[in-house]
């Protein structure tokens, strides 16, 4: 295992990402990109789209240079295919930020990119089909994590650390190069993405992160020795992203809402509803991912029994059931003004107050006596004076 080459690639990814992220932020804010008339510069428009490109460029450049210099060892061809597929989905995310694309087109592009990576990795047909399905699923799951400051970068960095540890156990440079570069790049990006976020990953970095993690996991699984329980350990590393996807789909299905329509029903949104702060939400997700990654890594290394790999998914399932009890959809404030359905009787009008008896003051609908205005010599508000 080329340890020095992998460390050099990680340091390069960290440096490039930090420098580019800082430059993108300064350039966007100084030039007033996304500024509305009379408003402060917006951080959600172009800054969000360009923020994710810093991770893609930093990690991609460092990994490609490391692979060209021999840091990937015998896995150079697989790393090249993985980078090519990751670049395709990153470009897809950038285009989607500028001009939203339909879900079928996005899924087709992601499937084609995963197929390219699997073919260059040299997997068997059966393993290749399963790997493509896994890559597309995890890529889309990580794309949904970009809902709060620091959430995606934290979970992605923890997951990349687990994949790096699994690759280091077997001493495979090709499988360790990309997780190491991604781990360093996400740490550098997190310096600008921690709350309050100066830049955000957007679809470009979220798709790139999910694709690299899923493809690296498939590559490690394919090259794992027979004694490794990779089939049980590696899927556990994506527990948080898959739990968030399961929560969203289940919640929208129960509420009869469109499955592909964005809404405030993710894990981060529900944690915020129970008064967890934005940094606290990122920490909770990081700890959640840390437990799953540690368990999966120890199972892969043979320290724990493969049956213990079921503990993180079981705990995540219980957490999803608990999060489903937190309301995610707020009723519209105009629901009370809707017209009744045909055939529904109109609501009864409130009873009129009884007429006052002779000599008694007039009363309000609540039964309280009315008080006449003081004699100021001027007409009361809303009453026209008699000018005759």
Protein backbone atom coordinates (compact mmCIF):
# COMPACT_ATOMS: atom_id res chain seq x y z
CA UNK A 1 0.00 0.00 0.00
CA UNK A 2 1.44 3.36 -1.09
CA UNK A 3 0.84 5.22 2.14
CA UNK A 4 2.87 8.29 1.24
CA UNK A 5 1.11 8.70 -2.10
CA UNK A 6 -2.32 8.43 -0.49
CA UNK A 7 -1.39 10.94 2.24
CA UNK A 8 -0.05 13.35 -0.38
CA UNK A 9 -3.28 13.06 -2.39
CA UNK A 10 -5.36 13.72 0.73
CA UNK A 11 -3.31 16.79 1.64
CA UNK A 12 -3.63 18.10 -1.91
CA UNK A 13 -7.41 17.58 -1.84
CA UNK A 14 -7.66 19.44 1.47
CA UNK A 15 -5.55 22.37 0.25
CA UNK A 16 -7.30 22.71 -3.12
CA UNK A 17 -10.77 22.53 -1.62
CA UNK A 18 -10.07 25.10 1.09
CA UNK A 19 -8.49 27.57 -1.35
CA UNK A 20 -11.21 27.18 -3.97
CA UNK A 21 -14.03 27.41 -1.43
CA UNK A 22 -12.61 30.59 0.02
CA UNK A 23 -12.11 32.09 -3.43
CA UNK A 24 -15.61 31.20 -4.60
CA UNK A 25 -17.16 32.73 -1.53
CA UNK A 26 -15.22 36.00 -1.80
CA UNK A 27 -15.75 36.35 -5.54
CA UNK A 28 -19.48 35.71 -5.32
CA UNK A 29 -20.11 38.11 -2.43
CA UNK A 30 -17.91 40.91 -3.79
CA UNK A 31 -19.45 40.81 -7.24
CA UNK A 32 -22.97 40.84 -5.81
CA UNK A 33 -23.99 37.62 -7.57
CA UNK A 34 -27.53 36.75 -6.59
CA UNK A 35 -28.16 40.27 -5.23
CA UNK A 36 -31.73 41.49 -5.30
CA UNK A 37 -32.58 45.21 -5.61
CA UNK A 38 -32.31 46.78 -2.19
CA UNK A 39 -31.37 43.50 -0.50
CA UNK A 40 -28.20 41.97 0.88
CA UNK A 41 -26.22 39.51 -1.30
CA UNK A 42 -27.97 36.16 -1.44
CA UNK A 43 -26.02 33.06 -0.51
CA UNK A 44 -28.48 30.59 -1.94
CA UNK A 45 -28.18 31.20 -5.68
CA UNK A 46 -24.90 31.02 -7.52
CA UNK A 47 -22.92 30.54 -4.29
CA UNK A 48 -24.80 27.32 -3.62
CA UNK A 49 -24.15 26.05 -7.15
CA UNK A 50 -20.45 26.90 -7.15
CA UNK A 51 -19.82 25.70 -3.61
CA UNK A 52 -20.16 22.05 -4.54
CA UNK A 53 -17.79 22.45 -7.48
CA UNK A 54 -14.93 23.12 -5.05
CA UNK A 55 -15.25 19.62 -3.59
CA UNK A 56 -15.49 18.04 -7.04
CA UNK A 57 -12.45 19.88 -8.37
CA UNK A 58 -10.36 19.45 -5.24
CA UNK A 59 -11.02 15.73 -4.74
CA UNK A 60 -11.01 14.90 -8.45
CA UNK A 61 -7.76 16.72 -9.17
CA UNK A 62 -5.93 15.25 -6.19
CA UNK A 63 -7.14 11.70 -6.86
CA UNK A 64 -6.37 11.88 -10.57
CA UNK A 65 -2.87 13.21 -9.90
CA UNK A 66 -2.26 10.56 -7.26
CA UNK A 67 -3.42 7.80 -9.57
CA UNK A 68 -1.19 9.10 -12.38
CA UNK A 69 1.81 9.12 -10.04
CA UNK A 70 1.17 5.53 -8.97
CA UNK A 71 -0.58 6.08 -5.64
CA UNK A 72 -3.41 3.73 -6.71
CA UNK A 73 -1.09 0.82 -7.39
CA UNK A 74 -2.74 -1.90 -9.45
CA UNK A 75 -6.15 -0.23 -9.12
CA UNK A 76 -5.38 2.72 -11.38
CA UNK A 77 -7.84 1.62 -14.05
CA UNK A 78 -10.66 1.20 -11.53
CA UNK A 79 -9.91 4.61 -10.00
CA UNK A 80 -10.01 6.20 -13.46
CA UNK A 81 -13.42 4.68 -14.17
CA UNK A 82 -14.73 5.75 -10.78
CA UNK A 83 -13.53 9.32 -11.31
CA UNK A 84 -15.10 9.41 -14.76
CA UNK A 85 -18.48 8.29 -13.41
CA UNK A 86 -18.24 10.71 -10.47
CA UNK A 87 -17.47 13.56 -12.85
CA UNK A 88 -20.55 12.73 -14.92
CA UNK A 89 -22.91 12.83 -11.95
CA UNK A 90 -21.24 16.01 -10.66
CA UNK A 91 -21.87 17.70 -14.01
CA UNK A 92 -25.44 16.41 -13.87
CA UNK A 93 -25.90 18.02 -10.47
CA UNK A 94 -24.50 21.34 -11.65
CA UNK A 95 -26.84 21.38 -14.65
CA UNK A 96 -29.76 20.45 -12.39
CA UNK A 97 -28.99 23.42 -10.13
CA UNK A 98 -29.10 25.81 -13.10
CA UNK A 99 -32.01 24.18 -14.91
CA UNK A 100 -33.95 21.46 -13.04
CA UNK A 101 -34.06 18.13 -14.85
CA UNK A 102 -36.68 15.41 -14.68
CA UNK A 103 -36.21 12.41 -12.40
CA UNK A 104 -36.12 9.84 -15.28
CA UNK A 105 -33.29 11.70 -17.00
CA UNK A 106 -31.30 12.01 -13.80
CA UNK A 107 -31.71 8.33 -13.00
CA UNK A 108 -30.65 7.38 -16.53
CA UNK A 109 -27.47 9.47 -16.32
CA UNK A 110 -26.61 8.09 -12.89
CA UNK A 111 -27.16 4.53 -14.12
CA UNK A 112 -24.92 5.14 -17.13
CA UNK A 113 -22.18 6.61 -14.93
CA UNK A 114 -22.39 3.68 -12.51
CA UNK A 115 -22.24 1.22 -15.40
CA UNK A 116 -19.10 2.92 -16.72
CA UNK A 117 -17.40 2.69 -13.33
CA UNK A 118 -18.38 -0.95 -12.85
CA UNK A 119 -17.17 -1.97 -16.31
CA UNK A 120 -13.76 -0.36 -15.81
CA UNK A 121 -13.51 -1.96 -12.36
CA UNK A 122 -13.71 -5.41 -13.97
CA UNK A 123 -16.59 -6.85 -11.95
CA UNK A 124 -18.47 -9.95 -13.02
CA UNK A 125 -21.87 -9.49 -14.73
CA UNK A 126 -23.91 -10.46 -11.68
CA UNK A 127 -21.78 -8.44 -9.28
CA UNK A 128 -21.80 -5.57 -11.78
CA UNK A 129 -25.59 -5.39 -11.92
CA UNK A 130 -25.85 -5.44 -8.13
CA UNK A 131 -23.13 -2.81 -7.88
CA UNK A 132 -24.93 -0.50 -10.33
CA UNK A 133 -28.16 -0.77 -8.33
CA UNK A 134 -26.29 -0.10 -5.10
CA UNK A 135 -24.41 2.90 -6.52
CA UNK A 136 -27.55 4.56 -7.87
CA UNK A 137 -29.44 3.96 -4.61
CA UNK A 138 -26.72 5.32 -2.31
CA UNK A 139 -25.95 8.24 -4.63
CA UNK A 140 -29.55 9.38 -4.53
CA UNK A 141 -29.74 8.81 -0.76
CA UNK A 142 -26.73 11.06 -0.11
CA UNK A 143 -28.16 13.67 -2.48
CA UNK A 144 -31.13 13.99 -0.11
CA UNK A 145 -28.89 14.76 2.89
CA UNK A 146 -28.15 18.31 1.76
CA UNK A 147 -30.85 19.84 3.93
CA UNK A 148 -28.90 21.56 6.70
CA UNK A 149 -25.56 23.27 7.25
CA UNK A 150 -22.80 20.70 7.68
CA UNK A 151 -25.05 17.64 7.48
CA UNK A 152 -23.85 16.19 4.17
CA UNK A 153 -20.17 16.99 4.74
CA UNK A 154 -20.21 15.50 8.25
CA UNK A 155 -21.90 12.23 7.29
CA UNK A 156 -19.85 11.95 4.11
CA UNK A 157 -16.56 12.48 5.95
CA UNK A 158 -17.41 9.87 8.60
CA UNK A 159 -18.43 7.36 5.92
CA UNK A 160 -15.27 8.02 3.91
CA UNK A 161 -13.19 7.41 7.04
CA UNK A 162 -14.86 4.00 7.44
CA UNK A 163 -14.19 3.04 3.83
CA UNK A 164 -10.58 4.16 4.19
CA UNK A 165 -10.19 1.96 7.26
CA UNK A 166 -11.70 -1.03 5.44
CA UNK A 167 -9.33 -0.54 2.51
CA UNK A 168 -6.37 -0.14 4.87
CA UNK A 169 -7.16 -3.46 6.54
CA UNK A 170 -6.46 -5.25 3.25
CA UNK A 171 -3.66 -2.88 2.23
CA UNK A 172 -5.23 -1.93 -1.13
CA UNK A 173 -4.06 1.42 -2.46
CA UNK A 174 -6.58 1.63 -5.29
CA UNK A 175 -9.54 1.23 -2.95
CA UNK A 176 -8.09 3.66 -0.38
CA UNK A 177 -7.10 6.55 -2.65
CA UNK A 178 -10.54 8.01 -3.36
CA UNK A 179 -11.94 7.67 0.20
CA UNK A 180 -8.82 9.37 1.55
CA UNK A 181 -9.07 12.25 -0.93
CA UNK A 182 -12.82 12.61 -0.32
CA UNK A 183 -12.35 12.60 3.46
CA UNK A 184 -9.80 15.42 3.25
CA UNK A 185 -11.84 17.38 0.73
CA UNK A 186 -15.01 17.21 2.83
CA UNK A 187 -13.10 18.32 5.93
CA UNK A 188 -11.81 21.32 4.00
CA UNK A 189 -15.28 22.08 2.69
CA UNK A 190 -16.76 21.73 6.17
CA UNK A 191 -14.67 24.70 7.31
CA UNK A 192 -16.90 26.89 5.12
CA UNK A 193 -20.07 24.81 5.36
CA UNK A 194 -20.42 24.70 9.15
CA UNK A 195 -23.26 26.79 10.54
CA UNK A 196 -23.67 29.56 9.57
CA UNK A 197 -22.69 28.20 6.16
CA UNK A 198 -20.83 30.52 3.82
CA UNK A 199 -21.15 28.11 0.92
CA UNK A 200 -23.26 24.99 0.41
CA UNK A 201 -22.69 21.77 -1.52
CA UNK A 202 -25.78 21.74 -3.71
CA UNK A 203 -26.63 18.88 -6.05
CA UNK A 204 -23.16 18.76 -7.60
CA UNK A 205 -21.21 17.91 -4.45
CA UNK A 206 -23.96 15.78 -2.91
CA UNK A 207 -24.23 13.53 -5.98
CA UNK A 208 -20.44 13.42 -6.29
CA UNK A 209 -20.04 12.45 -2.63
CA UNK A 210 -22.65 9.72 -2.76
CA UNK A 211 -21.28 8.31 -6.00
CA UNK A 212 -17.68 8.17 -4.77
CA UNK A 213 -18.69 6.53 -1.48
CA UNK A 214 -20.96 3.96 -3.12
CA UNK A 215 -18.47 3.13 -5.88
CA UNK A 216 -15.58 2.85 -3.42
CA UNK A 217 -17.65 0.49 -1.29
CA UNK A 218 -18.45 -1.66 -4.31
CA UNK A 219 -14.77 -1.70 -5.28
CA UNK A 220 -13.70 -2.73 -1.77
CA UNK A 221 -16.37 -5.43 -1.72
CA UNK A 222 -15.24 -6.84 -5.06
CA UNK A 223 -11.57 -6.99 -4.00
CA UNK A 224 -12.19 -8.25 -0.46
CA UNK A 225 -10.72 -11.65 0.49
CA UNK A 226 -13.21 -14.48 1.01
CA UNK A 227 -12.76 -14.41 4.79
CA UNK A 228 -14.03 -10.85 5.00
CA UNK A 229 -17.73 -10.34 5.73
CA UNK A 230 -17.89 -7.47 3.26
CA UNK A 231 -21.46 -8.33 2.26
CA UNK A 232 -22.59 -7.55 5.82
CA UNK A 233 -20.18 -4.77 6.78
CA UNK A 234 -20.09 -2.34 3.85
CA UNK A 235 -23.86 -1.66 3.51
CA UNK A 236 -23.91 -0.59 7.16
CA UNK A 237 -21.70 2.39 6.33
CA UNK A 238 -24.57 4.05 4.44
CA UNK A 239 -27.08 3.61 7.27
CA UNK A 240 -27.78 7.29 7.91
CA UNK A 241 -28.38 8.21 4.28
CA UNK A 242 -30.62 5.20 3.70
CA UNK A 243 -32.53 5.90 6.95
CA UNK A 244 -33.20 9.47 5.82
CA UNK A 245 -34.49 8.21 2.46
CA UNK A 246 -36.72 5.63 4.16
CA UNK A 247 -38.08 8.31 6.52
CA UNK A 248 -38.90 10.68 3.67
CA UNK A 249 -40.58 8.08 1.46
CA UNK A 250 -42.61 6.60 4.32
CA UNK A 251 -43.71 10.00 5.56
CA UNK A 252 -44.81 11.19 2.13
CA UNK A 253 -46.58 7.93 1.43
CA UNK A 254 -48.55 8.12 4.67
CA UNK A 255 -49.46 11.76 4.00
CA UNK A 256 -50.47 11.00 0.37
CA UNK A 257 -47.93 13.52 -0.90
CA UNK A 258 -45.86 13.24 -4.13
CA UNK A 259 -42.79 11.12 -3.44
CA UNK A 260 -40.48 13.30 -5.52
CA UNK A 261 -41.66 16.68 -4.20
CA UNK A 262 -39.27 18.45 -1.83
CA UNK A 263 -40.52 19.11 1.67
CA UNK A 264 -39.44 19.70 5.24
CA UNK A 265 -39.70 16.04 6.22
CA UNK A 266 -36.06 14.95 6.47
CA UNK A 267 -34.19 13.96 9.62
CA UNK A 268 -32.67 17.42 9.92
CA UNK A 269 -36.05 19.13 9.70
CA UNK A 270 -37.59 16.94 12.38
CA UNK A 271 -34.65 17.42 14.72
CA UNK A 272 -35.03 21.18 14.30
CA UNK A 273 -38.72 20.88 15.23
CA UNK A 274 -37.76 19.46 18.61
CA UNK A 275 -35.44 22.41 19.20
CA UNK A 276 -32.12 20.81 18.21
CA UNK A 277 -29.80 23.52 16.91
CA UNK A 278 -28.34 23.45 13.40
CA UNK A 279 -24.82 22.56 14.62
CA UNK A 280 -26.36 20.06 17.02
CA UNK A 281 -28.19 18.43 14.11
CA UNK A 282 -24.91 17.92 12.25
CA UNK A 283 -23.33 16.49 15.39
CA UNK A 284 -26.22 14.08 15.93
CA UNK A 285 -25.99 12.84 12.35
CA UNK A 286 -22.22 12.52 12.67
CA UNK A 287 -22.51 10.44 15.84
CA UNK A 288 -25.24 8.32 14.26
CA UNK A 289 -23.03 7.68 11.25
CA UNK A 290 -20.02 7.10 13.52
CA UNK A 291 -21.73 4.25 15.35
CA UNK A 292 -22.72 2.58 12.09
CA UNK A 293 -19.30 3.10 10.48
CA UNK A 294 -17.43 1.80 13.53
CA UNK A 295 -19.61 -1.30 13.67
CA UNK A 296 -19.24 -1.99 9.96
CA UNK A 297 -15.48 -1.49 10.04
CA UNK A 298 -15.02 -3.84 13.00
CA UNK A 299 -17.19 -6.45 11.32
CA UNK A 300 -15.15 -6.14 8.13
CA UNK A 301 -11.90 -6.50 10.08
CA UNK A 302 -13.20 -9.63 11.76
CA UNK A 303 -13.24 -8.15 15.26
CA UNK A 304 -17.03 -8.45 15.58
CA UNK A 305 -19.34 -11.21 14.44
CA UNK A 306 -21.19 -10.49 11.16
CA UNK A 307 -24.52 -10.78 12.96
CA UNK A 308 -23.71 -7.58 14.86
CA UNK A 309 -23.91 -5.71 11.57
CA UNK A 310 -27.69 -5.83 12.02
CA UNK A 311 -27.53 -3.64 15.13
CA UNK A 312 -27.11 -0.24 13.37
CA UNK A 313 -29.90 -0.89 10.82
CA UNK A 314 -32.21 -2.10 13.60
CA UNK A 315 -31.47 0.97 15.71
CA UNK A 316 -31.94 3.21 12.69
CA UNK A 317 -35.33 1.61 12.00
CA UNK A 318 -36.42 2.40 15.55
CA UNK A 319 -35.14 5.95 15.14
CA UNK A 320 -37.14 6.35 11.92
CA UNK A 321 -40.30 5.16 13.70
CA UNK A 322 -39.69 7.70 16.45
CA UNK A 323 -39.02 10.50 13.97
CA UNK A 324 -42.25 9.70 12.15
CA UNK A 325 -44.13 10.82 15.26
CA UNK A 326 -42.72 14.34 14.89
CA UNK A 327 -45.08 16.37 12.66
CA UNK A 328 -43.45 17.40 9.41
CA UNK A 329 -46.26 18.98 7.41
CA UNK A 330 -47.90 22.18 8.65
CA UNK A 331 -51.55 22.66 7.72
CA UNK A 332 -52.30 25.62 5.51
CA UNK A 333 -53.61 28.64 7.45
CA UNK A 334 -56.32 29.14 4.81
CA UNK A 335 -57.97 25.76 5.33
CA UNK A 336 -60.67 27.40 7.43
CA UNK A 337 -61.79 29.60 4.51
CA UNK A 338 -62.40 26.77 2.07
CA UNK A 339 -65.88 26.26 0.68
CA UNK A 340 -67.81 23.27 2.00
CA UNK A 341 -68.14 20.25 -0.23
CA UNK A 342 -71.36 19.92 -2.28
CA UNK A 343 -74.17 18.54 -0.17
CA UNK A 344 -72.59 19.65 3.13
CA UNK A 345 -75.00 21.74 5.22
CA UNK A 346 -73.84 25.29 5.91
CA UNK A 347 -72.75 25.97 9.50
CA UNK A 348 -75.44 27.50 11.69
CA UNK A 349 -75.18 31.23 12.30
CA UNK A 350 -74.53 32.30 15.90
CA UNK A 351 -77.73 33.28 17.76
CA UNK A 352 -78.51 36.99 17.79
CA UNK A 353 -78.40 38.68 21.20
CA UNK A 354 -81.83 39.39 22.72
CA UNK A 355 -83.22 42.86 22.25
CA UNK A 356 -82.67 45.08 25.30
CA UNK A 357 -85.65 45.96 27.42
CA UNK A 358 -86.91 49.52 27.72
CA UNK A 359 -84.46 51.63 29.63
CA UNK A 360 -81.63 49.09 29.51
CA UNK A 361 -78.37 49.78 27.61
CA UNK A 362 -77.62 47.92 24.40
CA UNK A 363 -75.43 44.87 24.72
CA UNK A 364 -72.71 43.25 22.58
CA UNK A 365 -73.10 39.70 21.15
CA UNK A 366 -71.12 38.47 24.19
CA UNK A 367 -73.79 39.99 26.48
CA UNK A 368 -71.72 42.90 27.79
CA UNK A 369 -73.28 46.40 27.90
CA UNK A 370 -72.00 48.86 25.34
CA UNK A 371 -70.41 52.10 26.51
CA UNK A 372 -71.22 55.27 24.51
CA UNK A 373 -68.29 57.50 23.49
CA UNK A 374 -67.53 60.50 25.68
CA UNK A 375 -69.10 63.82 24.63
CA UNK A 376 -66.01 65.46 23.08
CA UNK A 377 -67.95 67.60 20.64
CA UNK A 378 -66.43 65.69 17.70
CA UNK A 379 -67.91 62.74 15.84
CA UNK A 380 -66.72 59.28 16.85
CA UNK A 381 -64.36 57.34 14.61
CA UNK A 382 -66.22 55.99 11.62
CA UNK A 383 -69.28 58.17 12.20
CA UNK A 384 -70.03 61.10 9.88
CA UNK A 385 -70.81 64.38 11.63
CA UNK A 386 -74.03 66.21 10.91
CA UNK A 387 -73.02 69.52 9.29
CA UNK A 388 -76.53 71.01 9.08
